[in-house]
Amino acid sequence: MTGQIDENLSDLHPVSGSFCHTLRAEIGIRGQSGADAFEFEVCSPEWLNNELDSYSILHAGKRLVTKRFDPEVVEEFVRKRLLHATGPDWETVAAKLGEWSRWEFDDYNGDFR
């Protein structure tokens, strides 16, 4: 399996404080053309606290929480998840990746082929 996080990740700089970045990773099968999109948010506890000032409850959804946003650490996290996402077919692998990200085909009910 191969993956690449949004090309703009290198444009982001480490930051502390309140932040929430939506990132997109394009992930596919090594040696095959094409990739599927997976999106997730990387947010700080401070951002979550600020949101809780406006809303009494939040759905955490596909959010990764960290005290300091560091693009290299985020990429390392994604790469480790890719190593653990195995299965007999792409749909199984994508479902595992979907445990922490939104797969572009999450709501698709048709035939994948």
PDB file of N, CA and C in Angstrom:
ATOM      1  N   MET A   1       0.837  -1.163   0.000  1.00  0.00           N
ATOM      2  CA  MET A   1       0.000   0.000   0.000  1.00  0.00           C
ATOM      3  C   MET A   1       0.884   1.229   0.000  1.00  0.00           C
ATOM      4  N   THR A   2       0.432   2.243  -0.658  1.00  0.00           N
ATOM      5  CA  THR A   2       1.195   3.478  -0.728  1.00  0.00           C
ATOM      6  C   THR A   2       0.283   4.642  -0.393  1.00  0.00           C
ATOM      7  N   GLY A   3       0.849   5.708   0.129  1.00  0.00           N
ATOM      8  CA  GLY A   3       0.017   6.852   0.485  1.00  0.00           C
ATOM      9  C   GLY A   3       0.788   8.149   0.440  1.00  0.00           C
ATOM     10  N   GLN A   4       0.038   9.207   0.247  1.00  0.00           N
ATOM     11  CA  GLN A   4       0.625  10.537   0.240  1.00  0.00           C
ATOM     12  C   GLN A   4      -0.368  11.475   0.883  1.00  0.00           C
ATOM     13  N   ILE A   5       0.097  12.240   1.853  1.00  0.00           N
ATOM     14  CA  ILE A   5      -0.757  13.235   2.482  1.00  0.00           C
ATOM     15  C   ILE A   5      -0.773  14.458   1.581  1.00  0.00           C
ATOM     16  N   ASP A   6      -1.861  15.165   1.634  1.00  0.00           N
ATOM     17  CA  ASP A   6      -2.069  16.369   0.854  1.00  0.00           C
ATOM     18  C   ASP A   6      -0.757  17.094   0.583  1.00  0.00           C
ATOM     19  N   GLU A   7      -0.507  17.427  -0.674  1.00  0.00           N
ATOM     20  CA  GLU A   7       0.750  18.063  -1.072  1.00  0.00           C
ATOM     21  C   GLU A   7       1.035  19.341  -0.299  1.00  0.00           C
ATOM     22  N   ASN A   8       0.020  19.955   0.290  1.00  0.00           N
ATOM     23  CA  ASN A   8       0.210  21.202   1.024  1.00  0.00           C
ATOM     24  C   ASN A   8       0.686  20.973   2.453  1.00  0.00           C
ATOM     25  N   LEU A   9       0.813  19.723   2.876  1.00  0.00           N
ATOM     26  CA  LEU A   9       1.258  19.445   4.238  1.00  0.00           C
ATOM     27  C   LEU A   9       2.612  20.079   4.499  1.00  0.00           C
ATOM     28  N   SER A  10       3.488  20.057   3.508  1.00  0.00           N
ATOM     29  CA  SER A  10       4.816  20.639   3.700  1.00  0.00           C
ATOM     30  C   SER A  10       4.753  22.162   3.861  1.00  0.00           C
ATOM     31  N   ASP A  11       3.629  22.765   3.461  1.00  0.00           N
ATOM     32  CA  ASP A  11       3.464  24.208   3.631  1.00  0.00           C
ATOM     33  C   ASP A  11       3.037  24.579   5.050  1.00  0.00           C
ATOM     34  N   LEU A  12       2.556  23.590   5.806  1.00  0.00           N
ATOM     35  CA  LEU A  12       2.113  23.841   7.178  1.00  0.00           C
ATOM     36  C   LEU A  12       3.310  23.767   8.112  1.00  0.00           C
ATOM     37  N   HIS A  13       3.265  24.568   9.137  1.00  0.00           N
ATOM     38  CA  HIS A  13       4.370  24.629  10.085  1.00  0.00           C
ATOM     39  C   HIS A  13       3.895  24.166  11.453  1.00  0.00           C
ATOM     40  N   PRO A  14       4.804  23.635  12.266  1.00  0.00           N
ATOM     41  CA  PRO A  14       4.414  23.248  13.624  1.00  0.00           C
ATOM     42  C   PRO A  14       3.794  24.426  14.355  1.00  0.00           C
ATOM     43  N   VAL A  15       2.753  24.135  15.118  1.00  0.00           N
ATOM     44  CA  VAL A  15       2.070  25.183  15.850  1.00  0.00           C
ATOM     45  C   VAL A  15       1.485  24.597  17.134  1.00  0.00           C
ATOM     46  N   SER A  16       1.454  25.422  18.167  1.00  0.00           N
ATOM     47  CA  SER A  16       0.815  25.047  19.426  1.00  0.00           C
ATOM     48  C   SER A  16      -0.397  25.948  19.604  1.00  0.00           C
ATOM     49  N   GLY A  17      -1.124  25.745  20.669  1.00  0.00           N
ATOM     50  CA  GLY A  17      -2.299  26.568  20.916  1.00  0.00           C
ATOM     51  C   GLY A  17      -3.541  25.952  20.309  1.00  0.00           C
ATOM     52  N   SER A  18      -4.424  26.808  19.826  1.00  0.00           N
ATOM     53  CA  SER A  18      -5.697  26.362  19.278  1.00  0.00           C
ATOM     54  C   SER A  18      -5.596  26.192  17.767  1.00  0.00           C
ATOM     55  N   PHE A  19      -5.842  24.968  17.274  1.00  0.00           N
ATOM     56  CA  PHE A  19      -5.804  24.710  15.835  1.00  0.00           C
ATOM     57  C   PHE A  19      -6.663  23.503  15.499  1.00  0.00           C
ATOM     58  N   CYS A  20      -7.128  23.461  14.277  1.00  0.00           N
ATOM     59  CA  CYS A  20      -7.814  22.298  13.744  1.00  0.00           C
ATOM     60  C   CYS A  20      -7.619  22.322  12.235  1.00  0.00           C
ATOM     61  N   HIS A  21      -6.808  21.411  11.727  1.00  0.00           N
ATOM     62  CA  HIS A  21      -6.512  21.329  10.300  1.00  0.00           C
ATOM     63  C   HIS A  21      -7.207  20.107   9.712  1.00  0.00           C
ATOM     64  N   THR A  22      -7.882  20.302   8.580  1.00  0.00           N
ATOM     65  CA  THR A  22      -8.450  19.182   7.845  1.00  0.00           C
ATOM     66  C   THR A  22      -7.423  18.760   6.806  1.00  0.00           C
ATOM     67  N   LEU A  23      -7.048  17.482   6.846  1.00  0.00           N
ATOM     68  CA  LEU A  23      -6.038  16.961   5.926  1.00  0.00           C
ATOM     69  C   LEU A  23      -6.641  15.862   5.064  1.00  0.00           C
ATOM     70  N   ARG A  24      -6.068  15.687   3.900  1.00  0.00           N
ATOM     71  CA  ARG A  24      -6.521  14.670   2.953  1.00  0.00           C
ATOM     72  C   ARG A  24      -5.318  13.826   2.564  1.00  0.00           C
ATOM     73  N   ALA A  25      -5.465  12.525   2.686  1.00  0.00           N
ATOM     74  CA  ALA A  25      -4.425  11.587   2.270  1.00  0.00           C
ATOM     75  C   ALA A  25      -4.956  10.784   1.096  1.00  0.00           C
ATOM     76  N   GLU A  26      -4.155  10.668   0.059  1.00  0.00           N
ATOM     77  CA  GLU A  26      -4.521   9.841  -1.086  1.00  0.00           C
ATOM     78  C   GLU A  26      -3.765   8.530  -0.945  1.00  0.00           C
ATOM     79  N   ILE A  27      -4.525   7.434  -0.803  1.00  0.00           N
ATOM     80  CA  ILE A  27      -3.942   6.138  -0.486  1.00  0.00           C
ATOM     81  C   ILE A  27      -4.420   5.110  -1.500  1.00  0.00           C
ATOM     82  N   GLY A  28      -3.483   4.303  -1.972  1.00  0.00           N
ATOM     83  CA  GLY A  28      -3.828   3.272  -2.937  1.00  0.00           C
ATOM     84  C   GLY A  28      -2.956   2.044  -2.778  1.00  0.00           C
ATOM     85  N   ILE A  29      -3.152   1.101  -3.658  1.00  0.00           N
ATOM     86  CA  ILE A  29      -2.400  -0.149  -3.618  1.00  0.00           C
ATOM     87  C   ILE A  29      -1.084   0.042  -4.361  1.00  0.00           C
ATOM     88  N   ARG A  30       0.005  -0.315  -3.709  1.00  0.00           N
ATOM     89  CA  ARG A  30       1.333  -0.168  -4.305  1.00  0.00           C
ATOM     90  C   ARG A  30       1.390  -0.909  -5.644  1.00  0.00           C
ATOM     91  N   GLY A  31       1.907  -0.245  -6.664  1.00  0.00           N
ATOM     92  CA  GLY A  31       2.056  -0.846  -7.975  1.00  0.00           C
ATOM     93  C   GLY A  31       0.841  -0.691  -8.875  1.00  0.00           C
ATOM     94  N   GLN A  32      -0.241  -0.136  -8.333  1.00  0.00           N
ATOM     95  CA  GLN A  32      -1.439   0.092  -9.142  1.00  0.00           C
ATOM     96  C   GLN A  32      -1.677   1.590  -9.256  1.00  0.00           C
ATOM     97  N   SER A  33      -2.243   1.989 -10.389  1.00  0.00           N
ATOM     98  CA  SER A  33      -2.526   3.413 -10.560  1.00  0.00           C
ATOM     99  C   SER A  33      -3.792   3.781  -9.796  1.00  0.00           C
ATOM    100  N   GLY A  34      -3.877   5.035  -9.445  1.00  0.00           N
ATOM    101  CA  GLY A  34      -5.056   5.538  -8.743  1.00  0.00           C
ATOM    102  C   GLY A  34      -4.927   5.425  -7.238  1.00  0.00           C
ATOM    103  N   ALA A  35      -5.734   6.199  -6.562  1.00  0.00           N
ATOM    104  CA  ALA A  35      -5.752   6.211  -5.103  1.00  0.00           C
ATOM    105  C   ALA A  35      -7.111   6.717  -4.652  1.00  0.00           C
ATOM    106  N   ASP A  36      -7.476   6.378  -3.441  1.00  0.00           N
ATOM    107  CA  ASP A  36      -8.705   6.868  -2.834  1.00  0.00           C
ATOM    108  C   ASP A  36      -8.352   7.961  -1.833  1.00  0.00           C
ATOM    109  N   ALA A  37      -9.289   8.854  -1.619  1.00  0.00           N
ATOM    110  CA  ALA A  37      -9.068   9.966  -0.694  1.00  0.00           C
ATOM    111  C   ALA A  37      -9.613   9.619   0.690  1.00  0.00           C
ATOM    112  N   PHE A  38      -8.823   9.961   1.701  1.00  0.00           N
ATOM    113  CA  PHE A  38      -9.209   9.802   3.098  1.00  0.00           C
ATOM    114  C   PHE A  38      -8.960  11.146   3.775  1.00  0.00           C
ATOM    115  N   GLU A  39      -9.966  11.670   4.471  1.00  0.00           N
ATOM    116  CA  GLU A  39      -9.821  12.953   5.157  1.00  0.00           C
ATOM    117  C   GLU A  39      -9.950  12.770   6.660  1.00  0.00           C
ATOM    118  N   PHE A  40      -9.239  13.610   7.382  1.00  0.00           N
ATOM    119  CA  PHE A  40      -9.293  13.600   8.840  1.00  0.00           C
ATOM    120  C   PHE A  40      -8.870  14.975   9.330  1.00  0.00           C
ATOM    121  N   GLU A  41      -9.219  15.266  10.571  1.00  0.00           N
ATOM    122  CA  GLU A  41      -8.840  16.535  11.178  1.00  0.00           C
ATOM    123  C   GLU A  41      -7.801  16.283  12.259  1.00  0.00           C
ATOM    124  N   VAL A  42      -6.873  17.207  12.367  1.00  0.00           N
ATOM    125  CA  VAL A  42      -5.881  17.187  13.435  1.00  0.00           C
ATOM    126  C   VAL A  42      -6.146  18.434  14.266  1.00  0.00           C
ATOM    127  N   CYS A  43      -6.580  18.220  15.496  1.00  0.00           N
ATOM    128  CA  CYS A  43      -7.018  19.334  16.338  1.00  0.00           C
ATOM    129  C   CYS A  43      -6.296  19.312  17.683  1.00  0.00           C
ATOM    130  N   SER A  44      -6.264  20.472  18.298  1.00  0.00           N
ATOM    131  CA  SER A  44      -5.650  20.585  19.617  1.00  0.00           C
ATOM    132  C   SER A  44      -6.723  20.506  20.702  1.00  0.00           C
ATOM    133  N   PRO A  45      -6.319  20.118  21.911  1.00  0.00           N
ATOM    134  CA  PRO A  45      -7.274  20.138  23.024  1.00  0.00           C
ATOM    135  C   PRO A  45      -7.850  21.541  23.243  1.00  0.00           C
ATOM    136  N   GLU A  46      -7.036  22.566  23.014  1.00  0.00           N
ATOM    137  CA  GLU A  46      -7.510  23.937  23.176  1.00  0.00           C
ATOM    138  C   GLU A  46      -8.639  24.246  22.190  1.00  0.00           C
ATOM    139  N   TRP A  47      -8.502  23.779  20.947  1.00  0.00           N
ATOM    140  CA  TRP A  47      -9.546  23.993  19.949  1.00  0.00           C
ATOM    141  C   TRP A  47     -10.829  23.303  20.390  1.00  0.00           C
ATOM    142  N   LEU A  48     -10.690  22.058  20.879  1.00  0.00           N
ATOM    143  CA  LEU A  48     -11.868  21.332  21.358  1.00  0.00           C
ATOM    144  C   LEU A  48     -12.525  22.072  22.522  1.00  0.00           C
ATOM    145  N   ASN A  49     -11.714  22.579  23.443  1.00  0.00           N
ATOM    146  CA  ASN A  49     -12.272  23.345  24.567  1.00  0.00           C
ATOM    147  C   ASN A  49     -12.998  24.583  24.086  1.00  0.00           C
ATOM    148  N   ASN A  50     -12.427  25.288  23.100  1.00  0.00           N
ATOM    149  CA  ASN A  50     -13.089  26.476  22.554  1.00  0.00           C
ATOM    150  C   ASN A  50     -14.423  26.113  21.914  1.00  0.00           C
ATOM    151  N   GLU A  51     -14.451  24.991  21.197  1.00  0.00           N
ATOM    152  CA  GLU A  51     -15.701  24.535  20.581  1.00  0.00           C
ATOM    153  C   GLU A  51     -16.740  24.203  21.645  1.00  0.00           C
ATOM    154  N   LEU A  52     -16.282  23.632  22.764  1.00  0.00           N
ATOM    155  CA  LEU A  52     -17.203  23.278  23.839  1.00  0.00           C
ATOM    156  C   LEU A  52     -17.761  24.503  24.547  1.00  0.00           C
ATOM    157  N   ASP A  53     -17.131  25.650  24.369  1.00  0.00           N
ATOM    158  CA  ASP A  53     -17.706  26.894  24.886  1.00  0.00           C
ATOM    159  C   ASP A  53     -18.946  27.281  24.080  1.00  0.00           C
ATOM    160  N   SER A  54     -18.984  26.864  22.812  1.00  0.00           N
ATOM    161  CA  SER A  54     -20.112  27.191  21.934  1.00  0.00           C
ATOM    162  C   SER A  54     -21.160  26.082  21.868  1.00  0.00           C
ATOM    163  N   TYR A  55     -20.729  24.846  22.045  1.00  0.00           N
ATOM    164  CA  TYR A  55     -21.625  23.689  21.922  1.00  0.00           C
ATOM    165  C   TYR A  55     -21.509  22.847  23.184  1.00  0.00           C
ATOM    166  N   SER A  56     -22.621  22.368  23.675  1.00  0.00           N
ATOM    167  CA  SER A  56     -22.582  21.592  24.917  1.00  0.00           C
ATOM    168  C   SER A  56     -22.004  20.196  24.718  1.00  0.00           C
ATOM    169  N   ILE A  57     -22.030  19.697  23.470  1.00  0.00           N
ATOM    170  CA  ILE A  57     -21.473  18.379  23.179  1.00  0.00           C
ATOM    171  C   ILE A  57     -20.924  18.382  21.761  1.00  0.00           C
ATOM    172  N   LEU A  58     -19.840  17.659  21.546  1.00  0.00           N
ATOM    173  CA  LEU A  58     -19.230  17.546  20.222  1.00  0.00           C
ATOM    174  C   LEU A  58     -19.137  16.084  19.831  1.00  0.00           C
ATOM    175  N   HIS A  59     -19.357  15.815  18.570  1.00  0.00           N
ATOM    176  CA  HIS A  59     -19.096  14.491  18.034  1.00  0.00           C
ATOM    177  C   HIS A  59     -17.636  14.494  17.586  1.00  0.00           C
ATOM    178  N   ALA A  60     -16.827  13.606  18.122  1.00  0.00           N
ATOM    179  CA  ALA A  60     -15.400  13.626  17.822  1.00  0.00           C
ATOM    180  C   ALA A  60     -15.108  13.210  16.390  1.00  0.00           C
ATOM    181  N   GLY A  61     -15.922  12.327  15.837  1.00  0.00           N
ATOM    182  CA  GLY A  61     -15.753  11.938  14.445  1.00  0.00           C
ATOM    183  C   GLY A  61     -14.354  11.466  14.119  1.00  0.00           C
ATOM    184  N   LYS A  62     -13.850  11.911  13.007  1.00  0.00           N
ATOM    185  CA  LYS A  62     -12.539  11.481  12.515  1.00  0.00           C
ATOM    186  C   LYS A  62     -11.496  12.543  12.838  1.00  0.00           C
ATOM    187  N   ARG A  63     -11.317  12.798  14.126  1.00  0.00           N
ATOM    188  CA  ARG A  63     -10.368  13.810  14.583  1.00  0.00           C
ATOM    189  C   ARG A  63      -9.232  13.156  15.348  1.00  0.00           C
ATOM    190  N   LEU A  64      -8.036  13.580  15.016  1.00  0.00           N
ATOM    191  CA  LEU A  64      -6.854  13.192  15.778  1.00  0.00           C
ATOM    192  C   LEU A  64      -6.532  14.363  16.693  1.00  0.00           C
ATOM    193  N   VAL A  65      -6.207  14.093  17.927  1.00  0.00           N
ATOM    194  CA  VAL A  65      -5.973  15.162  18.894  1.00  0.00           C
ATOM    195  C   VAL A  65      -4.514  15.137  19.327  1.00  0.00           C
ATOM    196  N   THR A  66      -3.898  16.313  19.273  1.00  0.00           N
ATOM    197  CA  THR A  66      -2.503  16.452  19.678  1.00  0.00           C
ATOM    198  C   THR A  66      -2.290  17.853  20.252  1.00  0.00           C
ATOM    199  N   LYS A  67      -1.359  17.984  21.172  1.00  0.00           N
ATOM    200  CA  LYS A  67      -1.095  19.288  21.780  1.00  0.00           C
ATOM    201  C   LYS A  67      -0.367  20.225  20.837  1.00  0.00           C
ATOM    202  N   ARG A  68       0.432  19.665  19.917  1.00  0.00           N
ATOM    203  CA  ARG A  68       1.231  20.487  19.012  1.00  0.00           C
ATOM    204  C   ARG A  68       1.113  19.915  17.612  1.00  0.00           C
ATOM    205  N   PHE A  69       0.725  20.739  16.654  1.00  0.00           N
ATOM    206  CA  PHE A  69       0.622  20.286  15.277  1.00  0.00           C
ATOM    207  C   PHE A  69       2.014  20.268  14.664  1.00  0.00           C
ATOM    208  N   ASP A  70       2.438  19.086  14.248  1.00  0.00           N
ATOM    209  CA  ASP A  70       3.727  18.928  13.591  1.00  0.00           C
ATOM    210  C   ASP A  70       3.503  18.046  12.364  1.00  0.00           C
ATOM    211  N   PRO A  71       3.641  18.614  11.157  1.00  0.00           N
ATOM    212  CA  PRO A  71       3.379  17.848   9.931  1.00  0.00           C
ATOM    213  C   PRO A  71       4.138  16.531   9.856  1.00  0.00           C
ATOM    214  N   GLU A  72       5.373  16.502  10.321  1.00  0.00           N
ATOM    215  CA  GLU A  72       6.157  15.263  10.268  1.00  0.00           C
ATOM    216  C   GLU A  72       5.569  14.196  11.182  1.00  0.00           C
ATOM    217  N   VAL A  73       5.090  14.598  12.335  1.00  0.00           N
ATOM    218  CA  VAL A  73       4.491  13.656  13.276  1.00  0.00           C
ATOM    219  C   VAL A  73       3.175  13.126  12.709  1.00  0.00           C
ATOM    220  N   VAL A  74       2.396  13.995  12.071  1.00  0.00           N
ATOM    221  CA  VAL A  74       1.140  13.569  11.448  1.00  0.00           C
ATOM    222  C   VAL A  74       1.426  12.553  10.346  1.00  0.00           C
ATOM    223  N   GLU A  75       2.398  12.840   9.509  1.00  0.00           N
ATOM    224  CA  GLU A  75       2.738  11.916   8.425  1.00  0.00           C
ATOM    225  C   GLU A  75       3.208  10.573   8.983  1.00  0.00           C
ATOM    226  N   GLU A  76       3.993  10.599  10.036  1.00  0.00           N
ATOM    227  CA  GLU A  76       4.457   9.363  10.661  1.00  0.00           C
ATOM    228  C   GLU A  76       3.263   8.561  11.203  1.00  0.00           C
ATOM    229  N   PHE A  77       2.303   9.242  11.821  1.00  0.00           N
ATOM    230  CA  PHE A  77       1.103   8.574  12.331  1.00  0.00           C
ATOM    231  C   PHE A  77       0.363   7.865  11.193  1.00  0.00           C
ATOM    232  N   VAL A  78       0.175   8.572  10.075  1.00  0.00           N
ATOM    233  CA  VAL A  78      -0.532   7.989   8.931  1.00  0.00           C
ATOM    234  C   VAL A  78       0.235   6.791   8.383  1.00  0.00           C
ATOM    235  N   ARG A  79       1.523   6.918   8.228  1.00  0.00           N
ATOM    236  CA  ARG A  79       2.333   5.806   7.708  1.00  0.00           C
ATOM    237  C   ARG A  79       2.236   4.570   8.608  1.00  0.00           C
ATOM    238  N   LYS A  80       2.229   4.759   9.921  1.00  0.00           N
ATOM    239  CA  LYS A  80       2.089   3.631  10.842  1.00  0.00           C
ATOM    240  C   LYS A  80       0.714   2.979  10.678  1.00  0.00           C
ATOM    241  N   ARG A  81      -0.319   3.798  10.486  1.00  0.00           N
ATOM    242  CA  ARG A  81      -1.661   3.233  10.283  1.00  0.00           C
ATOM    243  C   ARG A  81      -1.713   2.429   8.990  1.00  0.00           C
ATOM    244  N   LEU A  82      -0.993   2.884   7.970  1.00  0.00           N
ATOM    245  CA  LEU A  82      -0.958   2.154   6.696  1.00  0.00           C
ATOM    246  C   LEU A  82      -0.330   0.779   6.877  1.00  0.00           C
ATOM    247  N   LEU A  83       0.702   0.692   7.704  1.00  0.00           N
ATOM    248  CA  LEU A  83       1.363  -0.593   7.938  1.00  0.00           C
ATOM    249  C   LEU A  83       0.433  -1.598   8.608  1.00  0.00           C
ATOM    250  N   HIS A  84      -0.511  -1.101   9.403  1.00  0.00           N
ATOM    251  CA  HIS A  84      -1.420  -1.981  10.140  1.00  0.00           C
ATOM    252  C   HIS A  84      -2.721  -2.259   9.395  1.00  0.00           C
ATOM    253  N   ALA A  85      -2.933  -1.586   8.278  1.00  0.00           N
ATOM    254  CA  ALA A  85      -4.173  -1.774   7.515  1.00  0.00           C
ATOM    255  C   ALA A  85      -3.961  -2.866   6.482  1.00  0.00           C
ATOM    256  N   THR A  86      -4.316  -4.071   6.842  1.00  0.00           N
ATOM    257  CA  THR A  86      -4.157  -5.212   5.946  1.00  0.00           C
ATOM    258  C   THR A  86      -5.495  -5.915   5.787  1.00  0.00           C
ATOM    259  N   GLY A  87      -5.602  -6.687   4.732  1.00  0.00           N
ATOM    260  CA  GLY A  87      -6.824  -7.447   4.516  1.00  0.00           C
ATOM    261  C   GLY A  87      -6.814  -8.133   3.171  1.00  0.00           C
ATOM    262  N   PRO A  88      -7.816  -8.963   2.915  1.00  0.00           N
ATOM    263  CA  PRO A  88      -7.859  -9.735   1.674  1.00  0.00           C
ATOM    264  C   PRO A  88      -8.215  -8.908   0.442  1.00  0.00           C
ATOM    265  N   ASP A  89      -8.778  -7.722   0.643  1.00  0.00           N
ATOM    266  CA  ASP A  89      -9.176  -6.881  -0.495  1.00  0.00           C
ATOM    267  C   ASP A  89      -9.134  -5.409  -0.087  1.00  0.00           C
ATOM    268  N   TRP A  90      -9.249  -4.541  -1.098  1.00  0.00           N
ATOM    269  CA  TRP A  90      -9.149  -3.101  -0.863  1.00  0.00           C
ATOM    270  C   TRP A  90     -10.254  -2.595   0.056  1.00  0.00           C
ATOM    271  N   GLU A  91     -11.461  -3.123  -0.079  1.00  0.00           N
ATOM    272  CA  GLU A  91     -12.572  -2.653   0.747  1.00  0.00           C
ATOM    273  C   GLU A  91     -12.301  -2.911   2.230  1.00  0.00           C
ATOM    274  N   THR A  92     -11.687  -4.045   2.548  1.00  0.00           N
ATOM    275  CA  THR A  92     -11.345  -4.365   3.931  1.00  0.00           C
ATOM    276  C   THR A  92     -10.278  -3.407   4.448  1.00  0.00           C
ATOM    277  N   VAL A  93      -9.273  -3.163   3.630  1.00  0.00           N
ATOM    278  CA  VAL A  93      -8.199  -2.243   4.014  1.00  0.00           C
ATOM    279  C   VAL A  93      -8.762  -0.833   4.193  1.00  0.00           C
ATOM    280  N   ALA A  94      -9.579  -0.390   3.250  1.00  0.00           N
ATOM    281  CA  ALA A  94     -10.163   0.950   3.335  1.00  0.00           C
ATOM    282  C   ALA A  94     -11.041   1.094   4.577  1.00  0.00           C
ATOM    283  N   ALA A  95     -11.759   0.045   4.940  1.00  0.00           N
ATOM    284  CA  ALA A  95     -12.580   0.092   6.156  1.00  0.00           C
ATOM    285  C   ALA A  95     -11.704   0.284   7.392  1.00  0.00           C
ATOM    286  N   LYS A  96     -10.546  -0.355   7.418  1.00  0.00           N
ATOM    287  CA  LYS A  96      -9.621  -0.179   8.549  1.00  0.00           C
ATOM    288  C   LYS A  96      -9.092   1.251   8.595  1.00  0.00           C
ATOM    289  N   LEU A  97      -8.767   1.795   7.431  1.00  0.00           N
ATOM    290  CA  LEU A  97      -8.319   3.194   7.382  1.00  0.00           C
ATOM    291  C   LEU A  97      -9.455   4.127   7.800  1.00  0.00           C
ATOM    292  N   GLY A  98     -10.681   3.708   7.516  1.00  0.00           N
ATOM    293  CA  GLY A  98     -11.853   4.492   7.871  1.00  0.00           C
ATOM    294  C   GLY A  98     -12.135   4.543   9.359  1.00  0.00           C
ATOM    295  N   GLU A  99     -11.400   3.786  10.144  1.00  0.00           N
ATOM    296  CA  GLU A  99     -11.564   3.862  11.598  1.00  0.00           C
ATOM    297  C   GLU A  99     -11.068   5.199  12.142  1.00  0.00           C
ATOM    298  N   TRP A 100     -10.160   5.852  11.427  1.00  0.00           N
ATOM    299  CA  TRP A 100      -9.622   7.135  11.898  1.00  0.00           C
ATOM    300  C   TRP A 100      -9.716   8.235  10.828  1.00  0.00           C
ATOM    301  N   SER A 101     -10.309   7.913   9.676  1.00  0.00           N
ATOM    302  CA  SER A 101     -10.437   8.904   8.602  1.00  0.00           C
ATOM    303  C   SER A 101     -11.738   8.670   7.845  1.00  0.00           C
ATOM    304  N   ARG A 102     -12.155   9.666   7.063  1.00  0.00           N
ATOM    305  CA  ARG A 102     -13.364   9.546   6.241  1.00  0.00           C
ATOM    306  C   ARG A 102     -12.955   9.116   4.839  1.00  0.00           C
ATOM    307  N   TRP A 103     -13.332   7.928   4.458  1.00  0.00           N
ATOM    308  CA  TRP A 103     -13.053   7.397   3.129  1.00  0.00           C
ATOM    309  C   TRP A 103     -14.044   8.014   2.158  1.00  0.00           C
ATOM    310  N   GLU A 104     -13.584   8.434   1.002  1.00  0.00           N
ATOM    311  CA  GLU A 104     -14.458   9.087   0.032  1.00  0.00           C
ATOM    312  C   GLU A 104     -15.633   8.207  -0.384  1.00  0.00           C
ATOM    313  N   PHE A 105     -15.525   6.893  -0.213  1.00  0.00           N
ATOM    314  CA  PHE A 105     -16.601   5.975  -0.602  1.00  0.00           C
ATOM    315  C   PHE A 105     -17.371   5.435   0.604  1.00  0.00           C
ATOM    316  N   ASP A 106     -17.240   6.071   1.765  1.00  0.00           N
ATOM    317  CA  ASP A 106     -17.930   5.597   2.971  1.00  0.00           C
ATOM    318  C   ASP A 106     -19.421   5.372   2.746  1.00  0.00           C
ATOM    319  N   ASP A 107     -20.071   6.264   2.049  1.00  0.00           N
ATOM    320  CA  ASP A 107     -21.519   6.173   1.873  1.00  0.00           C
ATOM    321  C   ASP A 107     -21.930   5.574   0.538  1.00  0.00           C
ATOM    322  N   TYR A 108     -20.966   5.055  -0.192  1.00  0.00           N
ATOM    323  CA  TYR A 108     -21.243   4.495  -1.518  1.00  0.00           C
ATOM    324  C   TYR A 108     -21.872   3.112  -1.357  1.00  0.00           C
ATOM    325  N   ASN A 109     -22.993   2.883  -2.026  1.00  0.00           N
ATOM    326  CA  ASN A 109     -23.706   1.607  -1.910  1.00  0.00           C
ATOM    327  C   ASN A 109     -23.661   0.772  -3.173  1.00  0.00           C
ATOM    328  N   GLY A 110     -22.917   1.178  -4.167  1.00  0.00           N
ATOM    329  CA  GLY A 110     -22.860   0.455  -5.431  1.00  0.00           C
ATOM    330  C   GLY A 110     -21.730  -0.555  -5.485  1.00  0.00           C
ATOM    331  N   ASP A 111     -21.531  -1.093  -6.644  1.00  0.00           N
ATOM    332  CA  ASP A 111     -20.475  -2.067  -6.896  1.00  0.00           C
ATOM    333  C   ASP A 111     -19.153  -1.329  -7.094  1.00  0.00           C
ATOM    334  N   PHE A 112     -18.082  -1.793  -6.457  1.00  0.00           N
ATOM    335  CA  PHE A 112     -16.786  -1.141  -6.563  1.00  0.00           C
ATOM    336  C   PHE A 112     -16.076  -1.441  -7.878  1.00  0.00           C
ATOM    337  N   ARG A 113     -16.491  -2.416  -8.606  1.00  0.00           N
ATOM    338  CA  ARG A 113     -15.791  -2.820  -9.810  1.00  0.00           C
ATOM    339  C   ARG A 113     -16.452  -2.297 -11.042  1.00  0.00           C
TER     340      ARG A 113
END
